[in-house]
Amino acid sequence: MGKIILVTGGARSGKSSFAERYVAKYGKKVGYIATSKICDEEMEYRVKLHRERRPAEWETFESPYSAHEVIREQGKSYDMFLFDCMTIYVSNILSTVKDIDDFDGNYKIVTKRLKQFITAILESDATVVIVTNEVGSGIVPNNRLAREYRDLAGLANQMLAEVAEKVFLVVSGIPVDIKKIAESI
């Protein structure tokens, strides 16, 4: 049975670097599931930095829309995957909806895809370390689409955290196992 390790935090908190170190320490055969689509120079630079940090022996799977299929197809071949990142994945899914103003429909589409992803992980033999962003800690966005994205990203994080074996919050490069803390209360 597969396992989920969730790594969350703010922008540039060190969550990806921590997740990479975690996977390098515990993984033997590692797959990297990349969700970013390079659409400008800034994103190209971010992807370049991530690629340079990864060991050459990690196989990369580009999957901006259907990561559950990668897990289903490859989940028995790898003992560990690094999935980076859930919030970009949610954004990618939202970019494919037919009616961006249909919040109820979009909610159903995103939750269906997340359930497929979680099921694929739990049915695999792999541990999947998932990087995500805490996007709801700031001010309430002033437009409906940004609020919808924030809400769906927060929902995704809650769904993943519920079934995750561990949940790390990374602050200023320091990881804290918040699920362990929550279970001790």
N, C-alpha and C. Protein backbone atom coordinates (compact mmCIF):
# COMPACT_ATOMS: atom_id res chain seq x y z
N MET A 1 0.84 -1.19 0.00
CA MET A 1 0.00 0.00 0.00
C MET A 1 0.88 1.24 0.00
N GLY A 2 0.56 2.18 -0.87
CA GLY A 2 1.31 3.42 -0.99
C GLY A 2 1.08 4.35 0.20
N LYS A 3 1.99 5.32 0.32
CA LYS A 3 1.91 6.30 1.40
C LYS A 3 2.08 7.70 0.84
N ILE A 4 1.52 8.66 1.57
CA ILE A 4 1.65 10.07 1.21
C ILE A 4 2.39 10.78 2.32
N ILE A 5 3.38 11.59 1.93
CA ILE A 5 4.06 12.53 2.81
C ILE A 5 3.79 13.90 2.21
N LEU A 6 3.16 14.80 2.95
CA LEU A 6 2.81 16.12 2.45
C LEU A 6 3.79 17.15 3.01
N VAL A 7 4.30 17.99 2.13
CA VAL A 7 5.24 19.05 2.52
C VAL A 7 4.63 20.37 2.06
N THR A 8 4.30 21.22 3.02
CA THR A 8 3.64 22.49 2.72
C THR A 8 4.42 23.66 3.31
N GLY A 9 4.09 24.84 2.86
CA GLY A 9 4.73 26.05 3.35
C GLY A 9 4.46 27.19 2.38
N GLY A 10 4.98 28.33 2.72
CA GLY A 10 4.81 29.51 1.87
C GLY A 10 5.80 29.53 0.72
N ALA A 11 5.70 30.55 -0.10
CA ALA A 11 6.62 30.72 -1.22
C ALA A 11 8.04 30.89 -0.69
N ARG A 12 8.97 30.17 -1.32
CA ARG A 12 10.39 30.23 -0.98
C ARG A 12 10.67 29.89 0.49
N SER A 13 9.85 29.01 1.04
CA SER A 13 10.04 28.59 2.43
C SER A 13 11.08 27.49 2.57
N GLY A 14 11.45 26.85 1.45
CA GLY A 14 12.39 25.73 1.49
C GLY A 14 11.72 24.38 1.39
N LYS A 15 10.44 24.37 1.05
CA LYS A 15 9.70 23.11 1.02
C LYS A 15 10.20 22.16 -0.06
N SER A 16 10.50 22.65 -1.25
CA SER A 16 10.99 21.75 -2.32
C SER A 16 12.37 21.20 -1.96
N SER A 17 13.24 22.05 -1.43
CA SER A 17 14.58 21.58 -1.04
C SER A 17 14.48 20.52 0.05
N PHE A 18 13.61 20.74 1.04
CA PHE A 18 13.41 19.74 2.09
C PHE A 18 12.88 18.44 1.49
N ALA A 19 11.87 18.54 0.61
CA ALA A 19 11.28 17.34 0.00
C ALA A 19 12.33 16.58 -0.80
N GLU A 20 13.18 17.28 -1.50
CA GLU A 20 14.25 16.63 -2.27
C GLU A 20 15.22 15.89 -1.34
N ARG A 21 15.58 16.52 -0.24
CA ARG A 21 16.48 15.86 0.73
C ARG A 21 15.81 14.63 1.35
N TYR A 22 14.53 14.75 1.66
CA TYR A 22 13.78 13.64 2.25
C TYR A 22 13.76 12.45 1.29
N VAL A 23 13.43 12.71 0.04
CA VAL A 23 13.35 11.65 -0.96
C VAL A 23 14.74 11.04 -1.20
N ALA A 24 15.76 11.88 -1.25
CA ALA A 24 17.13 11.38 -1.47
C ALA A 24 17.57 10.48 -0.31
N LYS A 25 17.12 10.81 0.89
CA LYS A 25 17.51 10.03 2.07
C LYS A 25 16.78 8.69 2.13
N TYR A 26 15.49 8.66 1.82
CA TYR A 26 14.68 7.46 2.03
C TYR A 26 14.37 6.68 0.75
N GLY A 27 14.50 7.28 -0.41
CA GLY A 27 14.16 6.61 -1.66
C GLY A 27 15.33 5.84 -2.25
N LYS A 28 15.03 4.71 -2.84
CA LYS A 28 16.06 3.93 -3.55
C LYS A 28 15.93 4.16 -5.05
N LYS A 29 14.73 3.93 -5.58
CA LYS A 29 14.45 4.20 -6.99
C LYS A 29 13.39 5.29 -7.01
N VAL A 30 13.78 6.48 -7.49
CA VAL A 30 12.95 7.67 -7.34
C VAL A 30 12.46 8.17 -8.69
N GLY A 31 11.17 8.49 -8.73
CA GLY A 31 10.57 9.17 -9.86
C GLY A 31 10.17 10.57 -9.44
N TYR A 32 10.33 11.52 -10.33
CA TYR A 32 9.99 12.91 -10.06
C TYR A 32 8.82 13.29 -10.98
N ILE A 33 7.70 13.68 -10.39
CA ILE A 33 6.54 14.09 -11.18
C ILE A 33 6.49 15.61 -11.18
N ALA A 34 6.76 16.18 -12.34
CA ALA A 34 6.80 17.63 -12.51
C ALA A 34 5.46 18.11 -13.06
N THR A 35 4.91 19.16 -12.47
CA THR A 35 3.61 19.66 -12.89
C THR A 35 3.68 21.00 -13.62
N SER A 36 4.83 21.65 -13.59
CA SER A 36 4.94 22.99 -14.18
C SER A 36 4.90 22.94 -15.69
N LYS A 37 4.29 23.96 -16.24
CA LYS A 37 4.35 24.21 -17.67
C LYS A 37 5.17 25.48 -17.84
N ILE A 38 6.18 25.42 -18.67
CA ILE A 38 7.02 26.60 -18.87
C ILE A 38 6.30 27.54 -19.84
N CYS A 39 5.88 28.69 -19.29
CA CYS A 39 5.13 29.64 -20.11
C CYS A 39 5.77 31.03 -20.14
N ASP A 40 6.85 31.21 -19.38
CA ASP A 40 7.58 32.48 -19.41
C ASP A 40 9.00 32.26 -18.88
N GLU A 41 9.83 33.29 -18.96
CA GLU A 41 11.24 33.16 -18.57
C GLU A 41 11.41 32.88 -17.08
N GLU A 42 10.56 33.46 -16.25
CA GLU A 42 10.66 33.26 -14.81
C GLU A 42 10.40 31.80 -14.46
N MET A 43 9.37 31.20 -15.06
CA MET A 43 9.06 29.79 -14.80
C MET A 43 10.16 28.90 -15.38
N GLU A 44 10.70 29.28 -16.51
CA GLU A 44 11.81 28.53 -17.09
C GLU A 44 13.00 28.51 -16.12
N TYR A 45 13.27 29.64 -15.48
CA TYR A 45 14.37 29.72 -14.52
C TYR A 45 14.09 28.84 -13.29
N ARG A 46 12.87 28.87 -12.78
CA ARG A 46 12.50 28.04 -11.64
C ARG A 46 12.69 26.55 -11.95
N VAL A 47 12.21 26.14 -13.11
CA VAL A 47 12.34 24.74 -13.52
C VAL A 47 13.82 24.37 -13.65
N LYS A 48 14.61 25.27 -14.20
CA LYS A 48 16.06 25.03 -14.34
C LYS A 48 16.70 24.78 -12.98
N LEU A 49 16.36 25.58 -11.99
CA LEU A 49 16.91 25.40 -10.64
C LEU A 49 16.52 24.04 -10.06
N HIS A 50 15.28 23.66 -10.24
CA HIS A 50 14.81 22.35 -9.74
C HIS A 50 15.55 21.22 -10.44
N ARG A 51 15.72 21.32 -11.75
CA ARG A 51 16.42 20.28 -12.50
C ARG A 51 17.86 20.14 -12.05
N GLU A 52 18.51 21.26 -11.82
CA GLU A 52 19.93 21.24 -11.40
C GLU A 52 20.11 20.61 -10.03
N ARG A 53 19.12 20.73 -9.16
CA ARG A 53 19.23 20.16 -7.81
C ARG A 53 18.97 18.67 -7.78
N ARG A 54 18.23 18.16 -8.74
CA ARG A 54 17.85 16.74 -8.73
C ARG A 54 19.00 15.84 -9.15
N PRO A 55 19.14 14.69 -8.48
CA PRO A 55 20.13 13.71 -8.94
C PRO A 55 19.79 13.21 -10.34
N ALA A 56 20.81 12.95 -11.14
CA ALA A 56 20.62 12.52 -12.53
C ALA A 56 19.87 11.19 -12.63
N GLU A 57 19.97 10.35 -11.60
CA GLU A 57 19.32 9.03 -11.68
C GLU A 57 17.81 9.08 -11.40
N TRP A 58 17.28 10.20 -10.95
CA TRP A 58 15.84 10.32 -10.77
C TRP A 58 15.20 10.48 -12.14
N GLU A 59 14.20 9.65 -12.44
CA GLU A 59 13.51 9.79 -13.71
C GLU A 59 12.39 10.81 -13.56
N THR A 60 12.31 11.73 -14.52
CA THR A 60 11.29 12.78 -14.48
C THR A 60 10.12 12.43 -15.37
N PHE A 61 8.92 12.62 -14.82
CA PHE A 61 7.67 12.44 -15.56
C PHE A 61 6.97 13.80 -15.61
N GLU A 62 6.84 14.36 -16.79
CA GLU A 62 6.13 15.63 -16.96
C GLU A 62 4.64 15.31 -16.97
N SER A 63 3.91 15.80 -15.97
CA SER A 63 2.49 15.47 -15.88
C SER A 63 1.70 16.65 -15.30
N PRO A 64 1.43 17.65 -16.13
CA PRO A 64 0.70 18.81 -15.61
C PRO A 64 -0.79 18.59 -15.37
N TYR A 65 -1.36 17.47 -15.92
CA TYR A 65 -2.81 17.27 -15.81
C TYR A 65 -3.25 15.92 -15.27
N SER A 66 -2.46 14.89 -15.41
CA SER A 66 -2.95 13.53 -15.10
C SER A 66 -1.91 12.72 -14.33
N ALA A 67 -1.50 13.24 -13.20
CA ALA A 67 -0.49 12.57 -12.38
C ALA A 67 -0.96 11.21 -11.89
N HIS A 68 -2.24 11.04 -11.73
CA HIS A 68 -2.76 9.73 -11.28
C HIS A 68 -2.39 8.63 -12.28
N GLU A 69 -2.33 8.97 -13.56
CA GLU A 69 -1.95 7.98 -14.57
C GLU A 69 -0.49 7.57 -14.43
N VAL A 70 0.39 8.54 -14.12
CA VAL A 70 1.80 8.22 -13.89
C VAL A 70 1.92 7.26 -12.72
N ILE A 71 1.22 7.55 -11.64
CA ILE A 71 1.28 6.69 -10.45
C ILE A 71 0.74 5.29 -10.78
N ARG A 72 -0.37 5.23 -11.50
CA ARG A 72 -0.94 3.92 -11.86
C ARG A 72 0.02 3.11 -12.73
N GLU A 73 0.65 3.78 -13.69
CA GLU A 73 1.54 3.09 -14.62
C GLU A 73 2.90 2.76 -14.01
N GLN A 74 3.41 3.62 -13.13
CA GLN A 74 4.77 3.49 -12.63
C GLN A 74 4.86 3.18 -11.14
N GLY A 75 3.72 3.14 -10.44
CA GLY A 75 3.71 3.01 -8.99
C GLY A 75 4.29 1.72 -8.43
N LYS A 76 4.41 0.71 -9.24
CA LYS A 76 5.02 -0.55 -8.78
C LYS A 76 6.51 -0.60 -9.12
N SER A 77 6.97 0.32 -9.97
CA SER A 77 8.36 0.32 -10.43
C SER A 77 9.27 1.20 -9.58
N TYR A 78 8.70 2.09 -8.79
CA TYR A 78 9.47 3.03 -7.98
C TYR A 78 9.06 2.88 -6.53
N ASP A 79 10.01 3.04 -5.63
CA ASP A 79 9.63 3.00 -4.22
C ASP A 79 9.25 4.39 -3.71
N MET A 80 9.66 5.45 -4.45
CA MET A 80 9.35 6.80 -4.00
C MET A 80 9.22 7.74 -5.19
N PHE A 81 8.26 8.65 -5.07
CA PHE A 81 8.09 9.72 -6.05
C PHE A 81 8.13 11.05 -5.31
N LEU A 82 8.65 12.06 -5.98
CA LEU A 82 8.52 13.44 -5.52
C LEU A 82 7.58 14.13 -6.50
N PHE A 83 6.49 14.66 -5.99
CA PHE A 83 5.47 15.35 -6.79
C PHE A 83 5.57 16.83 -6.46
N ASP A 84 5.93 17.64 -7.44
CA ASP A 84 6.13 19.08 -7.19
C ASP A 84 5.48 19.86 -8.32
N CYS A 85 4.38 20.53 -8.09
CA CYS A 85 3.72 20.74 -6.82
C CYS A 85 2.21 20.73 -6.99
N MET A 86 1.50 20.49 -5.91
CA MET A 86 0.05 20.35 -5.94
C MET A 86 -0.66 21.65 -6.32
N THR A 87 -0.19 22.79 -5.86
CA THR A 87 -0.90 24.03 -6.16
C THR A 87 -0.79 24.38 -7.65
N ILE A 88 0.33 24.07 -8.27
CA ILE A 88 0.42 24.26 -9.72
C ILE A 88 -0.51 23.26 -10.42
N TYR A 89 -0.56 22.05 -9.91
CA TYR A 89 -1.43 21.02 -10.47
C TYR A 89 -2.89 21.47 -10.43
N VAL A 90 -3.33 22.02 -9.31
CA VAL A 90 -4.70 22.52 -9.19
C VAL A 90 -4.93 23.65 -10.21
N SER A 91 -3.96 24.54 -10.34
CA SER A 91 -4.05 25.62 -11.32
C SER A 91 -4.17 25.07 -12.74
N ASN A 92 -3.37 24.04 -13.04
CA ASN A 92 -3.42 23.43 -14.37
C ASN A 92 -4.80 22.83 -14.64
N ILE A 93 -5.35 22.14 -13.64
CA ILE A 93 -6.68 21.54 -13.80
C ILE A 93 -7.72 22.64 -14.04
N LEU A 94 -7.63 23.73 -13.26
CA LEU A 94 -8.58 24.83 -13.45
C LEU A 94 -8.47 25.45 -14.85
N SER A 95 -7.26 25.41 -15.43
CA SER A 95 -7.08 26.00 -16.76
C SER A 95 -7.77 25.20 -17.85
N THR A 96 -8.25 23.99 -17.53
CA THR A 96 -8.89 23.15 -18.53
C THR A 96 -10.41 23.13 -18.43
N VAL A 97 -10.97 23.78 -17.40
CA VAL A 97 -12.42 23.71 -17.22
C VAL A 97 -13.15 24.47 -18.33
N LYS A 98 -14.36 24.03 -18.62
CA LYS A 98 -15.14 24.65 -19.70
C LYS A 98 -15.70 26.01 -19.29
N ASP A 99 -16.10 26.14 -18.03
CA ASP A 99 -16.72 27.38 -17.56
C ASP A 99 -16.07 27.79 -16.24
N ILE A 100 -15.16 28.71 -16.30
CA ILE A 100 -14.41 29.12 -15.10
C ILE A 100 -15.35 29.74 -14.05
N ASP A 101 -16.54 30.17 -14.47
CA ASP A 101 -17.49 30.76 -13.53
C ASP A 101 -18.37 29.73 -12.84
N ASP A 102 -18.22 28.45 -13.17
CA ASP A 102 -19.03 27.38 -12.58
C ASP A 102 -18.28 26.81 -11.36
N PHE A 103 -18.38 27.50 -10.23
CA PHE A 103 -17.62 27.08 -9.05
C PHE A 103 -17.99 25.66 -8.64
N ASP A 104 -19.26 25.33 -8.62
CA ASP A 104 -19.68 23.99 -8.21
C ASP A 104 -19.10 22.93 -9.15
N GLY A 105 -19.17 23.17 -10.44
CA GLY A 105 -18.61 22.23 -11.40
C GLY A 105 -17.10 22.12 -11.28
N ASN A 106 -16.44 23.25 -11.08
CA ASN A 106 -14.98 23.25 -10.93
C ASN A 106 -14.55 22.51 -9.67
N TYR A 107 -15.31 22.71 -8.61
CA TYR A 107 -15.07 22.00 -7.36
C TYR A 107 -15.15 20.49 -7.60
N LYS A 108 -16.16 20.07 -8.32
CA LYS A 108 -16.33 18.64 -8.61
C LYS A 108 -15.18 18.11 -9.47
N ILE A 109 -14.77 18.87 -10.46
CA ILE A 109 -13.67 18.44 -11.34
C ILE A 109 -12.38 18.29 -10.54
N VAL A 110 -12.05 19.30 -9.74
CA VAL A 110 -10.79 19.26 -8.96
C VAL A 110 -10.84 18.14 -7.93
N THR A 111 -11.95 18.01 -7.19
CA THR A 111 -12.00 16.95 -6.17
C THR A 111 -11.98 15.57 -6.81
N LYS A 112 -12.61 15.40 -7.97
CA LYS A 112 -12.56 14.11 -8.66
C LYS A 112 -11.12 13.77 -9.03
N ARG A 113 -10.40 14.72 -9.58
CA ARG A 113 -9.01 14.47 -9.98
C ARG A 113 -8.14 14.18 -8.75
N LEU A 114 -8.39 14.88 -7.65
CA LEU A 114 -7.63 14.63 -6.43
C LEU A 114 -7.92 13.24 -5.87
N LYS A 115 -9.17 12.84 -5.90
CA LYS A 115 -9.53 11.49 -5.43
C LYS A 115 -8.86 10.43 -6.29
N GLN A 116 -8.81 10.64 -7.61
CA GLN A 116 -8.11 9.71 -8.50
C GLN A 116 -6.63 9.63 -8.14
N PHE A 117 -6.03 10.77 -7.86
CA PHE A 117 -4.61 10.84 -7.51
C PHE A 117 -4.35 10.11 -6.19
N ILE A 118 -5.15 10.41 -5.19
CA ILE A 118 -4.98 9.77 -3.88
C ILE A 118 -5.18 8.26 -3.99
N THR A 119 -6.21 7.83 -4.68
CA THR A 119 -6.48 6.40 -4.86
C THR A 119 -5.31 5.72 -5.56
N ALA A 120 -4.80 6.33 -6.61
CA ALA A 120 -3.67 5.75 -7.34
C ALA A 120 -2.46 5.59 -6.43
N ILE A 121 -2.20 6.58 -5.58
CA ILE A 121 -1.07 6.49 -4.65
C ILE A 121 -1.29 5.34 -3.67
N LEU A 122 -2.45 5.30 -3.04
CA LEU A 122 -2.72 4.29 -2.02
C LEU A 122 -2.73 2.87 -2.60
N GLU A 123 -3.04 2.74 -3.88
CA GLU A 123 -3.03 1.43 -4.52
C GLU A 123 -1.65 1.05 -5.06
N SER A 124 -0.71 1.96 -5.02
CA SER A 124 0.64 1.69 -5.52
C SER A 124 1.49 1.09 -4.40
N ASP A 125 2.73 0.82 -4.71
CA ASP A 125 3.70 0.35 -3.71
C ASP A 125 4.63 1.47 -3.28
N ALA A 126 4.38 2.68 -3.74
CA ALA A 126 5.32 3.78 -3.55
C ALA A 126 4.89 4.74 -2.44
N THR A 127 5.89 5.43 -1.93
CA THR A 127 5.66 6.60 -1.08
C THR A 127 5.76 7.81 -1.99
N VAL A 128 4.77 8.70 -1.91
CA VAL A 128 4.77 9.90 -2.74
C VAL A 128 4.88 11.11 -1.82
N VAL A 129 5.96 11.85 -2.00
CA VAL A 129 6.19 13.09 -1.25
C VAL A 129 5.63 14.21 -2.11
N ILE A 130 4.61 14.88 -1.59
CA ILE A 130 3.89 15.90 -2.34
C ILE A 130 4.22 17.27 -1.77
N VAL A 131 4.70 18.15 -2.64
CA VAL A 131 4.97 19.54 -2.26
C VAL A 131 3.74 20.36 -2.61
N THR A 132 3.36 21.24 -1.71
CA THR A 132 2.22 22.13 -1.94
C THR A 132 2.47 23.46 -1.26
N ASN A 133 1.68 24.45 -1.59
CA ASN A 133 1.80 25.78 -1.00
C ASN A 133 0.63 26.06 -0.08
N GLU A 134 0.92 26.76 0.99
CA GLU A 134 -0.13 27.31 1.84
C GLU A 134 -0.49 28.67 1.24
N VAL A 135 -1.59 28.71 0.50
CA VAL A 135 -1.96 29.96 -0.17
C VAL A 135 -3.04 30.74 0.56
N GLY A 136 -3.58 30.19 1.62
CA GLY A 136 -4.69 30.84 2.30
C GLY A 136 -4.31 31.64 3.53
N SER A 137 -3.03 31.85 3.75
CA SER A 137 -2.60 32.54 4.97
C SER A 137 -2.54 34.06 4.83
N GLY A 138 -2.73 34.55 3.63
CA GLY A 138 -2.65 35.99 3.40
C GLY A 138 -4.03 36.63 3.41
N ILE A 139 -4.10 37.77 2.76
CA ILE A 139 -5.37 38.49 2.68
C ILE A 139 -6.32 37.77 1.73
N VAL A 140 -7.61 38.06 1.86
CA VAL A 140 -8.60 37.49 0.96
C VAL A 140 -8.44 38.20 -0.39
N PRO A 141 -8.23 37.44 -1.47
CA PRO A 141 -8.07 38.07 -2.78
C PRO A 141 -9.27 38.91 -3.16
N ASN A 142 -9.04 39.91 -4.00
CA ASN A 142 -10.13 40.82 -4.35
C ASN A 142 -10.90 40.38 -5.59
N ASN A 143 -10.57 39.21 -6.16
CA ASN A 143 -11.36 38.76 -7.31
C ASN A 143 -11.79 37.31 -7.13
N ARG A 144 -12.89 36.97 -7.77
CA ARG A 144 -13.54 35.69 -7.59
C ARG A 144 -12.64 34.52 -8.00
N LEU A 145 -11.93 34.62 -9.13
CA LEU A 145 -11.10 33.52 -9.60
C LEU A 145 -9.97 33.23 -8.62
N ALA A 146 -9.34 34.27 -8.10
CA ALA A 146 -8.26 34.07 -7.13
C ALA A 146 -8.80 33.44 -5.84
N ARG A 147 -9.99 33.85 -5.41
CA ARG A 147 -10.60 33.24 -4.22
C ARG A 147 -10.94 31.77 -4.48
N GLU A 148 -11.46 31.47 -5.67
CA GLU A 148 -11.79 30.09 -6.02
C GLU A 148 -10.52 29.23 -6.02
N TYR A 149 -9.46 29.73 -6.61
CA TYR A 149 -8.19 29.00 -6.64
C TYR A 149 -7.68 28.77 -5.22
N ARG A 150 -7.68 29.81 -4.40
CA ARG A 150 -7.23 29.69 -3.00
C ARG A 150 -8.04 28.64 -2.27
N ASP A 151 -9.35 28.66 -2.45
CA ASP A 151 -10.22 27.71 -1.77
C ASP A 151 -9.96 26.28 -2.24
N LEU A 152 -9.81 26.08 -3.55
CA LEU A 152 -9.57 24.73 -4.08
C LEU A 152 -8.18 24.21 -3.69
N ALA A 153 -7.19 25.09 -3.66
CA ALA A 153 -5.86 24.68 -3.21
C ALA A 153 -5.90 24.28 -1.73
N GLY A 154 -6.62 25.05 -0.93
CA GLY A 154 -6.78 24.70 0.48
C GLY A 154 -7.51 23.39 0.68
N LEU A 155 -8.55 23.15 -0.13
CA LEU A 155 -9.29 21.89 -0.07
C LEU A 155 -8.37 20.73 -0.46
N ALA A 156 -7.58 20.91 -1.51
CA ALA A 156 -6.63 19.86 -1.92
C ALA A 156 -5.68 19.53 -0.78
N ASN A 157 -5.14 20.56 -0.12
CA ASN A 157 -4.23 20.33 1.00
C ASN A 157 -4.90 19.57 2.13
N GLN A 158 -6.14 19.91 2.42
CA GLN A 158 -6.87 19.20 3.49
C GLN A 158 -7.10 17.74 3.13
N MET A 159 -7.49 17.49 1.88
CA MET A 159 -7.73 16.11 1.44
C MET A 159 -6.45 15.28 1.55
N LEU A 160 -5.34 15.86 1.13
CA LEU A 160 -4.06 15.14 1.18
C LEU A 160 -3.59 14.95 2.62
N ALA A 161 -3.71 15.99 3.43
CA ALA A 161 -3.26 15.90 4.82
C ALA A 161 -4.02 14.84 5.60
N GLU A 162 -5.29 14.70 5.29
CA GLU A 162 -6.12 13.71 6.00
C GLU A 162 -5.57 12.29 5.83
N VAL A 163 -5.09 11.95 4.65
CA VAL A 163 -4.62 10.59 4.39
C VAL A 163 -3.10 10.46 4.45
N ALA A 164 -2.42 11.57 4.66
CA ALA A 164 -0.95 11.54 4.69
C ALA A 164 -0.43 10.90 5.97
N GLU A 165 0.65 10.16 5.83
CA GLU A 165 1.32 9.58 6.99
C GLU A 165 2.00 10.67 7.82
N LYS A 166 2.61 11.61 7.12
CA LYS A 166 3.27 12.76 7.76
C LYS A 166 2.91 14.01 7.00
N VAL A 167 2.84 15.14 7.72
CA VAL A 167 2.62 16.44 7.10
C VAL A 167 3.66 17.39 7.69
N PHE A 168 4.54 17.87 6.82
CA PHE A 168 5.58 18.80 7.25
C PHE A 168 5.21 20.21 6.80
N LEU A 169 5.29 21.16 7.74
CA LEU A 169 5.19 22.57 7.43
C LEU A 169 6.61 23.11 7.45
N VAL A 170 7.04 23.71 6.34
CA VAL A 170 8.39 24.25 6.25
C VAL A 170 8.32 25.77 6.38
N VAL A 171 9.03 26.29 7.37
CA VAL A 171 9.07 27.72 7.63
C VAL A 171 10.54 28.13 7.69
N SER A 172 10.94 29.07 6.85
CA SER A 172 12.33 29.55 6.82
C SER A 172 13.32 28.40 6.70
N GLY A 173 12.95 27.40 5.91
CA GLY A 173 13.82 26.25 5.67
C GLY A 173 13.80 25.19 6.75
N ILE A 174 12.99 25.39 7.78
CA ILE A 174 12.93 24.43 8.89
C ILE A 174 11.63 23.64 8.81
N PRO A 175 11.73 22.30 8.67
CA PRO A 175 10.52 21.48 8.60
C PRO A 175 10.02 21.10 10.00
N VAL A 176 8.70 21.18 10.17
CA VAL A 176 8.06 20.77 11.42
C VAL A 176 6.98 19.76 11.06
N ASP A 177 7.00 18.60 11.71
CA ASP A 177 6.00 17.56 11.46
C ASP A 177 4.72 17.94 12.20
N ILE A 178 3.83 18.66 11.51
CA ILE A 178 2.64 19.18 12.18
C ILE A 178 1.59 18.10 12.44
N LYS A 179 1.60 17.03 11.67
CA LYS A 179 0.64 15.97 11.95
C LYS A 179 1.02 15.26 13.25
N LYS A 180 2.30 15.09 13.48
CA LYS A 180 2.76 14.49 14.72
C LYS A 180 2.37 15.36 15.92
N ILE A 181 2.54 16.65 15.76
CA ILE A 181 2.16 17.59 16.83
C ILE A 181 0.65 17.52 17.07
N ALA A 182 -0.13 17.52 15.99
CA ALA A 182 -1.59 17.49 16.12
C ALA A 182 -2.07 16.22 16.81
N GLU A 183 -1.41 15.09 16.52
CA GLU A 183 -1.82 13.83 17.12
C GLU A 183 -1.47 13.75 18.61
N SER A 184 -0.54 14.59 19.06
CA SER A 184 -0.15 14.55 20.47
C SER A 184 -1.04 15.44 21.34
N ILE A 185 -1.90 16.21 20.71
CA ILE A 185 -2.76 17.14 21.48
C ILE A 185 -3.99 16.41 21.98
